[in-house]
N, C-alpha and C. Protein backbone atom coordinates (compact mmCIF):
# COMPACT_ATOMS: atom_id res chain seq x y z
N UNK A 1 23.93 -46.58 49.68
CA UNK A 1 24.81 -45.47 48.90
C UNK A 1 25.41 -44.67 50.32
N UNK A 2 26.42 -44.18 50.01
CA UNK A 2 27.03 -43.65 50.94
C UNK A 2 26.77 -41.95 50.56
N UNK A 3 26.97 -40.91 51.65
CA UNK A 3 26.83 -39.74 51.31
C UNK A 3 27.51 -38.96 50.21
N UNK A 4 28.63 -39.45 49.93
CA UNK A 4 29.49 -38.80 49.11
C UNK A 4 28.96 -39.12 47.50
N UNK A 5 28.54 -40.70 47.74
CA UNK A 5 27.98 -40.99 46.26
C UNK A 5 26.56 -40.28 46.13
N UNK A 6 25.73 -40.03 47.07
CA UNK A 6 24.40 -39.38 46.92
C UNK A 6 24.63 -38.12 46.39
N UNK A 7 25.50 -37.43 47.15
CA UNK A 7 25.53 -35.71 46.45
C UNK A 7 26.12 -36.04 45.02
N UNK A 8 27.56 -36.66 44.69
CA UNK A 8 27.79 -36.97 43.44
C UNK A 8 26.60 -37.08 42.33
N UNK A 9 25.54 -37.82 42.78
CA UNK A 9 24.53 -38.48 41.82
C UNK A 9 23.68 -37.22 41.75
N UNK A 10 23.37 -36.52 42.97
CA UNK A 10 22.60 -35.27 42.70
C UNK A 10 23.08 -34.37 42.13
N UNK A 11 24.67 -34.02 42.13
CA UNK A 11 25.28 -33.10 41.25
C UNK A 11 25.21 -33.49 39.93
N UNK A 12 25.41 -34.54 39.57
CA UNK A 12 25.53 -34.73 38.17
C UNK A 12 24.12 -34.95 37.40
N UNK A 13 23.07 -35.36 38.21
CA UNK A 13 21.61 -34.87 37.75
C UNK A 13 21.34 -33.33 37.51
N UNK A 14 21.96 -32.60 38.37
CA UNK A 14 21.72 -31.24 38.00
C UNK A 14 22.29 -30.68 36.91
N UNK A 15 23.59 -31.21 36.71
CA UNK A 15 24.67 -30.87 35.73
C UNK A 15 23.57 -31.29 34.54
N UNK A 16 23.19 -32.55 34.19
CA UNK A 16 22.45 -33.16 33.24
C UNK A 16 21.43 -32.31 32.91
N UNK A 17 20.65 -31.80 33.60
CA UNK A 17 19.39 -31.10 33.58
C UNK A 17 19.78 -29.73 33.11
N UNK A 18 20.72 -29.17 33.53
CA UNK A 18 21.32 -27.79 33.05
C UNK A 18 21.49 -28.10 31.43
N UNK A 19 22.22 -29.19 31.23
CA UNK A 19 22.86 -29.11 29.80
C UNK A 19 21.49 -29.31 28.83
N UNK A 20 20.77 -30.35 29.50
CA UNK A 20 19.49 -30.71 28.56
C UNK A 20 18.60 -29.25 28.46
N UNK A 21 18.41 -28.21 29.53
CA UNK A 21 17.76 -26.90 29.64
C UNK A 21 18.73 -26.25 28.35
N UNK A 22 19.93 -25.91 28.58
CA UNK A 22 20.81 -25.14 27.34
C UNK A 22 20.43 -25.49 26.17
N UNK A 23 20.32 -26.95 25.94
CA UNK A 23 20.20 -27.37 24.50
C UNK A 23 18.83 -27.14 23.80
N UNK A 24 17.89 -27.32 25.16
CA UNK A 24 16.53 -27.01 24.59
C UNK A 24 16.24 -25.51 24.32
N UNK A 25 16.94 -24.81 24.79
CA UNK A 25 16.96 -22.95 24.70
C UNK A 25 17.33 -22.81 23.38
N UNK A 26 18.86 -23.56 23.18
CA UNK A 26 19.35 -23.29 21.94
C UNK A 26 18.32 -23.88 20.56
N UNK A 27 17.86 -25.04 20.83
CA UNK A 27 17.02 -25.42 19.82
C UNK A 27 15.95 -24.30 19.63
N UNK A 28 15.27 -23.96 20.79
CA UNK A 28 14.20 -23.01 20.53
C UNK A 28 14.45 -21.75 19.82
N UNK A 29 15.82 -21.26 20.14
CA UNK A 29 16.65 -20.05 19.60
C UNK A 29 16.52 -20.39 17.86
N UNK A 30 16.91 -21.57 17.50
CA UNK A 30 17.40 -21.79 16.44
C UNK A 30 15.69 -22.03 15.68
N UNK A 31 14.78 -22.59 16.35
CA UNK A 31 13.18 -22.61 15.72
C UNK A 31 12.97 -21.33 15.34
N UNK A 32 13.18 -20.19 16.23
CA UNK A 32 12.57 -19.13 16.43
C UNK A 32 13.29 -18.20 15.38
N UNK A 33 14.64 -18.62 15.23
CA UNK A 33 15.49 -17.62 14.04
C UNK A 33 14.70 -18.15 12.79
N UNK A 34 14.39 -19.55 12.45
CA UNK A 34 13.99 -20.25 11.50
C UNK A 34 12.79 -19.59 11.27
N UNK A 35 11.69 -19.66 11.91
CA UNK A 35 10.41 -18.77 11.48
C UNK A 35 10.63 -17.56 11.44
N UNK A 36 11.25 -16.73 12.05
CA UNK A 36 11.59 -15.37 11.61
C UNK A 36 12.15 -15.40 10.31
N UNK A 37 13.05 -16.33 9.85
CA UNK A 37 13.33 -16.16 8.18
C UNK A 37 12.36 -16.42 7.40
N UNK A 38 11.74 -17.37 7.91
CA UNK A 38 10.51 -17.81 7.03
C UNK A 38 9.29 -16.87 6.80
N UNK A 39 9.40 -15.88 8.15
CA UNK A 39 8.45 -14.84 8.02
C UNK A 39 9.08 -13.75 7.00
N UNK A 40 10.11 -13.32 7.23
CA UNK A 40 10.85 -12.42 6.69
C UNK A 40 10.79 -12.64 4.97
N UNK A 41 10.96 -14.01 4.58
CA UNK A 41 11.03 -14.40 3.09
C UNK A 41 9.62 -14.05 2.72
N UNK A 42 8.66 -14.60 3.53
CA UNK A 42 7.19 -14.41 2.95
C UNK A 42 6.70 -13.01 2.91
N UNK A 43 7.37 -12.16 3.65
CA UNK A 43 7.11 -10.76 3.55
C UNK A 43 7.75 -10.25 2.40
N UNK A 44 8.85 -10.44 2.34
CA UNK A 44 9.50 -10.19 1.12
C UNK A 44 9.02 -10.54 -0.12
N UNK A 45 8.46 -11.66 -0.10
CA UNK A 45 7.91 -12.14 -1.44
C UNK A 45 6.52 -11.17 -1.64
N UNK A 46 5.66 -11.05 -0.60
CA UNK A 46 4.51 -10.67 -0.55
C UNK A 46 4.68 -9.03 -1.12
N UNK A 47 5.78 -8.23 -0.63
CA UNK A 47 6.19 -6.97 -1.32
C UNK A 47 6.55 -6.84 -2.53
N UNK A 48 6.98 -7.94 -3.10
CA UNK A 48 7.68 -8.12 -4.18
C UNK A 48 6.46 -8.21 -5.16
N UNK A 49 5.51 -9.31 -4.95
CA UNK A 49 4.29 -9.31 -5.38
C UNK A 49 3.50 -7.93 -5.77
N UNK A 50 3.45 -7.19 -4.48
CA UNK A 50 2.58 -5.92 -4.42
C UNK A 50 3.28 -5.20 -5.41
N UNK A 51 4.49 -4.77 -5.49
CA UNK A 51 5.34 -3.84 -6.58
C UNK A 51 4.89 -4.08 -7.90
N UNK A 52 5.15 -5.39 -8.52
CA UNK A 52 4.68 -6.02 -9.63
C UNK A 52 3.36 -5.96 -9.90
N UNK A 53 2.24 -6.09 -9.22
CA UNK A 53 1.12 -5.56 -9.50
C UNK A 53 0.72 -4.03 -9.48
N UNK A 54 1.52 -3.49 -8.69
CA UNK A 54 1.27 -1.83 -8.64
C UNK A 54 1.52 -1.37 -10.09
N UNK A 55 2.69 -2.08 -10.42
CA UNK A 55 3.44 -1.49 -11.81
C UNK A 55 2.55 -1.82 -12.90
N UNK A 56 2.43 -3.28 -13.06
CA UNK A 56 1.64 -3.92 -14.38
C UNK A 56 0.02 -3.29 -14.40
N UNK A 57 -0.35 -2.85 -13.39
CA UNK A 57 -1.89 -2.49 -13.26
C UNK A 57 -1.94 -0.77 -13.39
N UNK A 58 -0.99 -0.28 -13.81
CA UNK A 58 -0.75 1.08 -14.07
C UNK A 58 -1.19 2.20 -12.98
N UNK A 59 -1.18 1.78 -11.57
CA UNK A 59 -1.27 2.64 -10.78
C UNK A 59 -0.50 3.92 -10.72
N UNK A 60 0.62 3.83 -11.38
CA UNK A 60 1.67 5.26 -11.33
C UNK A 60 1.38 5.77 -12.32
N UNK A 61 0.30 5.39 -13.45
CA UNK A 61 -0.11 6.21 -14.36
C UNK A 61 -0.92 7.57 -13.73
N UNK A 62 -1.98 7.48 -13.19
CA UNK A 62 -2.71 8.54 -12.37
C UNK A 62 -2.33 9.01 -11.31
N UNK A 63 -1.54 8.04 -10.31
CA UNK A 63 -1.56 8.29 -8.76
C UNK A 63 -0.08 9.00 -8.49
N UNK A 64 0.97 9.05 -9.43
CA UNK A 64 2.14 9.61 -9.60
C UNK A 64 2.56 10.62 -10.23
N UNK A 65 2.82 11.93 -9.57
CA UNK A 65 2.95 13.25 -10.34
C UNK A 65 4.32 13.06 -11.12
N UNK A 66 4.47 13.60 -12.55
CA UNK A 66 5.22 13.41 -13.30
C UNK A 66 6.12 14.72 -13.66
N UNK A 67 7.13 14.56 -14.36
CA UNK A 67 7.64 15.65 -15.10
C UNK A 67 8.27 15.18 -16.37
N UNK A 68 8.51 16.32 -17.20
CA UNK A 68 8.99 15.74 -18.62
C UNK A 68 10.28 15.65 -18.60
N UNK A 69 10.84 14.42 -19.13
CA UNK A 69 12.29 14.22 -19.13
C UNK A 69 12.68 13.73 -20.76
N UNK A 70 13.99 13.31 -20.95
CA UNK A 70 14.46 13.31 -22.21
C UNK A 70 13.70 12.33 -22.90
N UNK A 71 13.05 11.57 -22.32
CA UNK A 71 12.05 10.48 -23.06
C UNK A 71 10.62 10.62 -22.89
N UNK A 72 10.43 11.92 -22.40
CA UNK A 72 8.80 12.10 -22.23
C UNK A 72 8.59 11.88 -20.64
N UNK A 73 7.44 11.74 -20.11
CA UNK A 73 6.90 12.09 -18.83
C UNK A 73 7.81 11.05 -18.21
N UNK A 74 8.28 11.23 -16.82
CA UNK A 74 8.61 10.68 -15.86
C UNK A 74 8.37 10.83 -14.51
N UNK A 75 8.17 9.58 -13.53
CA UNK A 75 7.61 9.90 -12.34
C UNK A 75 8.48 10.27 -11.63
N UNK A 76 8.17 11.59 -10.77
CA UNK A 76 8.93 12.00 -9.78
C UNK A 76 9.01 11.07 -8.61
N UNK A 77 10.29 10.48 -8.42
CA UNK A 77 10.55 9.56 -7.52
C UNK A 77 10.02 10.04 -6.15
N UNK A 78 10.69 11.12 -5.79
CA UNK A 78 10.16 11.62 -4.19
C UNK A 78 8.93 12.05 -4.00
N UNK A 79 7.85 11.77 -5.17
CA UNK A 79 6.35 11.85 -5.21
C UNK A 79 5.51 10.61 -5.54
N UNK A 80 6.46 9.76 -5.63
CA UNK A 80 5.49 8.39 -6.42
C UNK A 80 4.42 8.10 -5.57
N UNK A 81 3.16 7.63 -6.13
CA UNK A 81 1.97 7.32 -5.81
C UNK A 81 1.33 8.64 -5.06
N UNK A 82 1.66 9.68 -4.60
CA UNK A 82 1.41 10.64 -3.78
C UNK A 82 -0.08 11.37 -4.08
N UNK A 83 -0.36 11.09 -5.26
CA UNK A 83 -1.59 11.56 -6.07
C UNK A 83 -1.34 13.16 -6.42
N UNK A 84 -2.41 13.89 -6.95
CA UNK A 84 -2.42 15.31 -7.47
C UNK A 84 -1.66 16.27 -6.31
N UNK A 85 -0.66 16.51 -6.72
CA UNK A 85 -0.07 17.65 -5.61
C UNK A 85 -0.88 18.70 -5.32
N UNK A 86 -0.90 18.71 -3.77
CA UNK A 86 -1.88 19.73 -3.36
C UNK A 86 -1.20 21.14 -3.69
N UNK A 87 0.02 21.46 -3.72
CA UNK A 87 0.27 22.85 -4.19
C UNK A 87 0.37 23.35 -5.42
N UNK A 88 -0.31 22.50 -6.11
CA UNK A 88 -0.49 22.69 -7.82
C UNK A 88 -1.87 23.45 -8.15
N UNK A 89 -1.77 24.50 -8.36
CA UNK A 89 -2.87 25.12 -8.94
C UNK A 89 -3.98 24.25 -9.80
N UNK A 90 -5.17 24.32 -9.45
CA UNK A 90 -6.00 23.61 -10.12
C UNK A 90 -6.37 24.30 -11.48
N UNK A 91 -6.13 23.70 -12.67
CA UNK A 91 -6.16 24.01 -14.05
C UNK A 91 -7.89 24.07 -14.45
N UNK A 92 -8.11 25.10 -14.94
CA UNK A 92 -9.58 25.19 -15.52
C UNK A 92 -9.55 24.32 -16.80
N UNK A 93 -10.65 23.44 -16.74
CA UNK A 93 -10.90 22.59 -17.55
C UNK A 93 -12.38 23.21 -18.60
N UNK A 94 -11.88 23.79 -19.79
CA UNK A 94 -12.99 24.97 -20.48
C UNK A 94 -13.70 24.27 -21.50
N UNK A 95 -13.16 23.05 -22.10
CA UNK A 95 -13.33 22.43 -23.38
C UNK A 95 -14.82 22.32 -23.37
N UNK A 96 -15.67 22.96 -24.38
CA UNK A 96 -17.28 22.47 -24.16
C UNK A 96 -17.50 21.06 -24.88
N UNK A 97 -16.31 20.52 -25.27
CA UNK A 97 -16.85 19.11 -25.76
C UNK A 97 -17.16 17.89 -24.25
N UNK A 98 -16.40 18.73 -23.16
CA UNK A 98 -16.71 17.67 -21.63
C UNK A 98 -18.07 18.09 -21.46
N UNK A 99 -18.98 18.76 -21.87
CA UNK A 99 -20.29 18.84 -21.79
C UNK A 99 -21.41 17.99 -22.63
N UNK A 100 -20.46 17.61 -23.36
CA UNK A 100 -21.04 16.58 -24.44
C UNK A 100 -20.84 15.05 -23.96
N UNK A 101 -19.87 15.16 -23.19
CA UNK A 101 -19.60 13.58 -22.73
C UNK A 101 -18.32 13.07 -22.69
N UNK A 102 -17.13 13.98 -23.49
CA UNK A 102 -15.56 13.75 -23.69
C UNK A 102 -15.30 13.99 -22.12
N UNK A 103 -13.83 13.27 -21.81
CA UNK A 103 -13.10 13.43 -20.69
C UNK A 103 -11.96 14.22 -21.17
N UNK A 104 -11.03 14.75 -20.44
CA UNK A 104 -9.83 15.43 -20.56
C UNK A 104 -8.60 15.03 -19.18
N UNK A 105 -7.55 15.02 -19.56
CA UNK A 105 -6.49 14.65 -18.22
C UNK A 105 -5.59 15.72 -18.26
N UNK A 106 -5.17 16.06 -17.08
CA UNK A 106 -4.13 16.99 -16.67
C UNK A 106 -2.90 16.08 -17.38
N UNK A 107 -1.86 16.98 -17.64
CA UNK A 107 -0.79 16.75 -18.69
C UNK A 107 -0.03 15.60 -17.82
N UNK A 108 -0.19 15.36 -16.71
CA UNK A 108 0.93 14.15 -15.81
C UNK A 108 -0.34 13.08 -15.38
N UNK A 109 -1.68 13.54 -15.90
CA UNK A 109 -2.76 12.29 -15.53
C UNK A 109 -3.24 12.34 -14.04
N UNK A 110 -2.68 13.03 -13.34
CA UNK A 110 -3.00 13.24 -12.01
C UNK A 110 -4.54 13.94 -11.57
N UNK A 111 -5.18 14.64 -12.81
CA UNK A 111 -6.47 14.84 -12.56
C UNK A 111 -7.25 14.63 -14.19
N UNK A 112 -8.41 14.57 -13.97
CA UNK A 112 -9.35 14.20 -15.06
C UNK A 112 -10.92 15.19 -15.00
N UNK A 113 -11.20 15.34 -15.96
CA UNK A 113 -12.42 16.08 -16.01
C UNK A 113 -13.29 15.55 -16.88
N UNK A 114 -14.68 15.67 -16.49
CA UNK A 114 -15.38 14.97 -17.40
C UNK A 114 -16.97 15.40 -16.99
N UNK A 115 -17.85 14.80 -17.59
CA UNK A 115 -19.35 15.00 -16.93
C UNK A 115 -19.43 14.68 -15.81
N UNK A 116 -18.49 14.03 -14.79
CA UNK A 116 -18.78 14.06 -13.42
C UNK A 116 -18.00 14.80 -12.73
N UNK A 117 -17.26 16.11 -13.33
CA UNK A 117 -16.66 17.16 -13.11
C UNK A 117 -14.94 17.06 -12.79
N UNK A 118 -14.32 17.42 -11.63
CA UNK A 118 -13.13 17.19 -11.87
C UNK A 118 -12.97 16.16 -10.82
N UNK A 119 -11.62 15.40 -11.06
CA UNK A 119 -11.50 14.16 -9.93
C UNK A 119 -9.99 14.52 -9.91
N UNK A 120 -9.45 14.22 -8.82
CA UNK A 120 -7.83 14.29 -8.34
C UNK A 120 -7.51 12.90 -7.78
N UNK A 121 -6.52 12.47 -8.44
CA UNK A 121 -6.04 11.07 -8.12
C UNK A 121 -5.63 11.12 -6.73
N UNK A 122 -5.65 10.30 -5.86
CA UNK A 122 -5.56 9.99 -4.45
C UNK A 122 -4.13 9.87 -4.03
N UNK A 123 -3.78 9.90 -2.83
CA UNK A 123 -2.25 9.72 -2.55
C UNK A 123 -2.69 8.42 -1.77
N UNK A 124 -1.69 7.73 -2.32
CA UNK A 124 -1.65 5.84 -1.77
C UNK A 124 -0.50 5.84 -0.95
N UNK A 125 0.33 6.86 -0.66
CA UNK A 125 1.24 6.60 0.26
C UNK A 125 1.21 6.30 1.75
N UNK A 126 2.02 5.70 2.45
CA UNK A 126 1.50 5.44 4.07
C UNK A 126 1.41 6.58 4.87
N UNK A 127 1.41 8.18 4.34
CA UNK A 127 1.50 8.94 5.12
C UNK A 127 0.03 9.03 5.72
N UNK A 128 -0.30 10.01 7.01
CA UNK A 128 -1.56 10.19 7.16
C UNK A 128 -2.51 11.03 6.14
N UNK A 129 -2.20 11.56 5.28
CA UNK A 129 -2.84 12.37 4.44
C UNK A 129 -3.09 11.09 3.05
N UNK A 130 -2.57 10.10 3.24
CA UNK A 130 -2.77 9.13 2.33
C UNK A 130 -3.35 7.85 2.81
N UNK A 131 -2.98 6.72 2.92
CA UNK A 131 -3.74 5.54 3.32
C UNK A 131 -3.13 4.93 4.62
N UNK A 132 -2.11 6.23 5.23
CA UNK A 132 -1.81 5.67 6.52
C UNK A 132 -2.41 4.97 7.72
N UNK A 133 -3.57 5.67 8.01
CA UNK A 133 -4.45 5.08 8.70
C UNK A 133 -5.66 3.95 8.57
N UNK A 134 -5.52 3.70 7.04
CA UNK A 134 -6.46 2.87 6.56
C UNK A 134 -6.05 1.42 7.14
N UNK A 135 -7.27 0.50 7.34
CA UNK A 135 -6.81 -0.69 7.47
C UNK A 135 -6.95 -1.52 6.18
N UNK A 136 -6.60 -2.96 6.09
CA UNK A 136 -6.49 -3.51 4.81
C UNK A 136 -8.16 -3.76 4.18
N UNK A 137 -8.98 -3.86 5.28
CA UNK A 137 -10.32 -4.07 4.86
C UNK A 137 -11.28 -2.60 4.27
N UNK A 138 -10.53 -1.49 4.34
CA UNK A 138 -10.89 -0.25 4.16
C UNK A 138 -10.24 -0.36 2.47
N UNK A 139 -9.14 -0.64 2.53
CA UNK A 139 -8.37 -0.49 1.01
C UNK A 139 -9.05 -1.46 0.03
N UNK A 140 -9.34 -2.63 0.56
CA UNK A 140 -10.08 -3.54 -0.34
C UNK A 140 -11.75 -3.12 -0.43
N UNK A 141 -12.25 -2.53 0.14
CA UNK A 141 -13.41 -1.91 -0.04
C UNK A 141 -13.46 -0.86 -1.22
N UNK A 142 -12.69 0.18 -0.94
CA UNK A 142 -11.79 1.14 -1.89
C UNK A 142 -11.74 0.63 -3.34
N UNK A 143 -10.98 -0.15 -3.16
CA UNK A 143 -10.30 -0.63 -4.53
C UNK A 143 -11.35 -1.77 -5.13
N UNK A 144 -12.07 -2.51 -4.59
CA UNK A 144 -12.73 -3.42 -5.26
C UNK A 144 -14.52 -2.78 -5.18
N UNK A 145 -14.80 -2.11 -4.56
CA UNK A 145 -16.18 -1.54 -4.31
C UNK A 145 -16.53 0.03 -4.64
N UNK A 146 -14.91 0.60 -4.81
CA UNK A 146 -15.31 1.82 -5.19
C UNK A 146 -15.63 3.20 -4.19
N UNK A 147 -15.64 2.71 -2.80
CA UNK A 147 -16.03 3.43 -1.61
C UNK A 147 -14.64 4.41 -1.21
N UNK A 148 -15.03 5.45 -1.28
CA UNK A 148 -14.29 6.64 -1.11
C UNK A 148 -13.76 6.32 0.50
N UNK A 149 -12.42 6.12 0.82
CA UNK A 149 -11.33 5.55 1.90
C UNK A 149 -12.00 4.43 2.58
N UNK A 150 -12.72 3.45 1.56
CA UNK A 150 -13.12 2.35 1.96
C UNK A 150 -14.35 2.33 3.04
N UNK A 151 -14.89 3.77 3.15
CA UNK A 151 -16.19 3.53 4.23
C UNK A 151 -17.61 3.53 3.80
N UNK A 152 -18.25 2.70 4.37
CA UNK A 152 -19.65 2.30 3.83
C UNK A 152 -20.56 3.49 3.52
N UNK A 153 -20.28 4.90 4.19
CA UNK A 153 -21.01 5.77 4.13
C UNK A 153 -20.55 7.09 3.38
N UNK A 154 -19.20 6.54 2.53
CA UNK A 154 -18.51 7.38 1.83
C UNK A 154 -19.20 7.67 0.62
N UNK A 155 -18.58 8.59 -0.20
CA UNK A 155 -18.96 8.82 -1.50
C UNK A 155 -18.57 7.55 -2.43
N UNK A 156 -19.03 7.52 -3.71
CA UNK A 156 -18.24 6.75 -4.69
C UNK A 156 -17.08 7.15 -5.17
N UNK A 157 -15.87 6.44 -5.60
CA UNK A 157 -14.64 6.75 -6.33
C UNK A 157 -15.11 7.44 -7.64
N UNK A 158 -14.61 8.37 -8.32
CA UNK A 158 -15.11 8.73 -9.78
C UNK A 158 -14.11 8.44 -10.39
N UNK A 159 -14.58 8.36 -12.13
CA UNK A 159 -13.43 8.07 -13.01
C UNK A 159 -12.41 8.78 -12.86
N UNK A 160 -11.09 8.82 -13.22
CA UNK A 160 -10.91 7.29 -14.25
C UNK A 160 -10.76 6.09 -13.42
N UNK A 161 -10.82 6.18 -11.95
CA UNK A 161 -10.59 4.95 -11.46
C UNK A 161 -11.17 3.88 -12.06
N UNK A 162 -10.70 2.69 -12.24
CA UNK A 162 -11.08 1.56 -13.14
C UNK A 162 -11.62 0.60 -11.93
N UNK A 163 -12.57 0.83 -11.19
CA UNK A 163 -13.24 0.03 -9.99
C UNK A 163 -13.56 -1.62 -10.70
N UNK A 164 -14.45 -1.02 -11.84
CA UNK A 164 -14.77 -2.63 -12.49
C UNK A 164 -14.02 -3.57 -12.73
N UNK A 165 -12.78 -3.04 -13.18
CA UNK A 165 -11.23 -3.89 -13.28
C UNK A 165 -11.25 -4.71 -12.15
N UNK A 166 -11.44 -4.20 -11.08
CA UNK A 166 -10.51 -5.09 -9.63
C UNK A 166 -12.02 -5.88 -8.80
N UNK A 167 -12.91 -5.55 -9.47
CA UNK A 167 -13.91 -6.29 -8.39
C UNK A 167 -13.67 -7.95 -8.22
N UNK A 168 -13.05 -8.55 -9.09
CA UNK A 168 -12.68 -9.91 -8.76
C UNK A 168 -11.33 -10.07 -8.36
N UNK A 169 -10.49 -9.36 -8.27
CA UNK A 169 -9.13 -9.42 -7.95
C UNK A 169 -9.17 -10.57 -6.64
N UNK A 170 -7.88 -11.25 -6.51
CA UNK A 170 -7.87 -12.33 -5.32
C UNK A 170 -7.44 -11.30 -4.41
N UNK A 171 -8.07 -12.12 -3.43
CA UNK A 171 -7.69 -11.39 -1.72
C UNK A 171 -6.20 -11.29 -1.43
N UNK A 172 -5.42 -12.32 -1.93
CA UNK A 172 -3.97 -12.22 -1.72
C UNK A 172 -3.39 -11.39 -2.23
N UNK A 173 -3.96 -10.81 -3.63
CA UNK A 173 -3.40 -9.88 -4.23
C UNK A 173 -3.75 -8.53 -3.88
N UNK A 174 -4.89 -8.43 -3.20
CA UNK A 174 -5.11 -6.98 -2.66
C UNK A 174 -4.15 -6.84 -1.33
N UNK A 175 -4.02 -8.23 -0.55
CA UNK A 175 -2.98 -7.79 0.45
C UNK A 175 -1.67 -7.66 0.04
N UNK A 176 -1.34 -8.37 -1.10
CA UNK A 176 0.28 -7.88 -1.37
C UNK A 176 0.36 -6.17 -1.87
N UNK A 177 -0.88 -5.69 -2.42
CA UNK A 177 -0.91 -4.33 -3.04
C UNK A 177 -0.73 -3.42 -1.59
N UNK A 178 -1.73 -3.58 -0.83
CA UNK A 178 -1.84 -2.82 0.39
C UNK A 178 -0.43 -2.77 1.22
N UNK A 179 0.21 -4.13 1.42
CA UNK A 179 1.22 -4.23 2.12
C UNK A 179 2.44 -3.37 1.36
N UNK A 180 2.72 -3.69 -0.09
CA UNK A 180 3.51 -2.82 -0.66
C UNK A 180 3.45 -1.41 -0.54
N UNK A 181 2.34 -0.94 -0.45
CA UNK A 181 1.83 0.47 -0.65
C UNK A 181 2.09 0.98 1.08
N UNK A 182 1.95 0.04 1.77
CA UNK A 182 2.42 0.35 3.46
C UNK A 182 3.98 0.92 3.47
N UNK A 183 4.57 -0.01 2.57
CA UNK A 183 6.22 -0.03 2.66
C UNK A 183 6.88 1.05 2.08
N UNK A 184 6.22 1.78 1.37
CA UNK A 184 6.83 2.62 0.49
C UNK A 184 6.99 3.95 1.20
N UNK A 185 7.98 5.22 0.59
CA UNK A 185 7.98 6.18 1.27
C UNK A 185 6.78 6.91 1.68
N UNK A 186 6.29 7.11 2.85
CA UNK A 186 5.16 8.48 2.93
C UNK A 186 5.44 9.85 2.62
N UNK A 187 4.41 10.28 1.67
CA UNK A 187 4.46 11.32 1.22
C UNK A 187 3.42 12.73 1.84
N UNK A 188 3.62 13.63 2.59
CA UNK A 188 2.69 14.36 2.91
C UNK A 188 1.97 15.02 1.51
N UNK A 189 0.69 14.71 1.65
CA UNK A 189 -0.21 15.33 0.21
C UNK A 189 -1.56 15.48 0.63
N UNK A 190 -2.21 16.39 0.66
CA UNK A 190 -3.51 16.29 0.77
C UNK A 190 -4.21 16.67 -0.44
N UNK A 191 -4.99 15.77 -1.13
CA UNK A 191 -5.31 15.84 -2.69
C UNK A 191 -6.52 16.59 -2.58
N UNK A 192 -6.85 17.61 -3.54
CA UNK A 192 -7.73 18.45 -3.23
C UNK A 192 -9.40 17.73 -3.32
N UNK A 193 -10.41 18.01 -2.68
CA UNK A 193 -11.54 17.33 -3.12
C UNK A 193 -12.04 17.43 -4.38
N UNK A 194 -13.08 16.66 -4.78
CA UNK A 194 -13.48 16.95 -6.57
C UNK A 194 -14.46 18.15 -6.67
N UNK A 195 -14.25 18.66 -7.75
CA UNK A 195 -15.04 19.59 -7.80
C UNK A 195 -16.42 19.20 -8.99
N UNK A 196 -17.46 19.32 -8.56
CA UNK A 196 -18.75 18.96 -9.18
C UNK A 196 -18.95 19.83 -10.44
N UNK A 197 -19.67 19.01 -11.63
CA UNK A 197 -19.69 19.78 -12.97
C UNK A 197 -20.12 21.19 -12.81
N UNK A 198 -20.96 21.63 -11.84
CA UNK A 198 -21.57 22.79 -11.61
C UNK A 198 -20.52 24.05 -11.35
N UNK A 199 -19.52 23.33 -10.79
CA UNK A 199 -18.40 24.56 -10.18
C UNK A 199 -16.96 24.34 -11.15
N UNK A 200 -17.34 23.79 -12.05
CA UNK A 200 -15.99 23.69 -12.81
C UNK A 200 -15.69 25.07 -13.66
């Protein structure tokens, strides 16, 4: 093989390798985009499932402050799932029936009084004053075992939180709810600590 043919062969080999490299990179890019699209679709599906579960399980009933509108109590959108508002005065529950075992609710259901004292609905938004610093494992432990902030050494959650209803919830549903709550607007709101019966 003469020198010119040899150089031409090397040149063509390099061109071929370069083209194959470009095609390989393009294919990898397409696969990456496809994977991202699948991941985005899966996340969107998880968030939709979480939103659905939060709605049908009645989380807004107690955890979302409300105001009276033309059709009765309405969730205040900018405070959705932020719990009992910290700037609201704590109403006194004086009804003697509480001492006999009855329970009473604040008008928008974000606080309740009963034999356990007064409890306040927690902030479920992703702010630091809510569940912003929680891990999914903490959320699961709070949700299914009734542990305050999902901590083993924490107190138990108080009524009316229906922990017994959620003990057997599927792990994927807990994930969906947690991911959804992490995706909503954070609201800074430090909910008051419970008030024991002796201090009501």
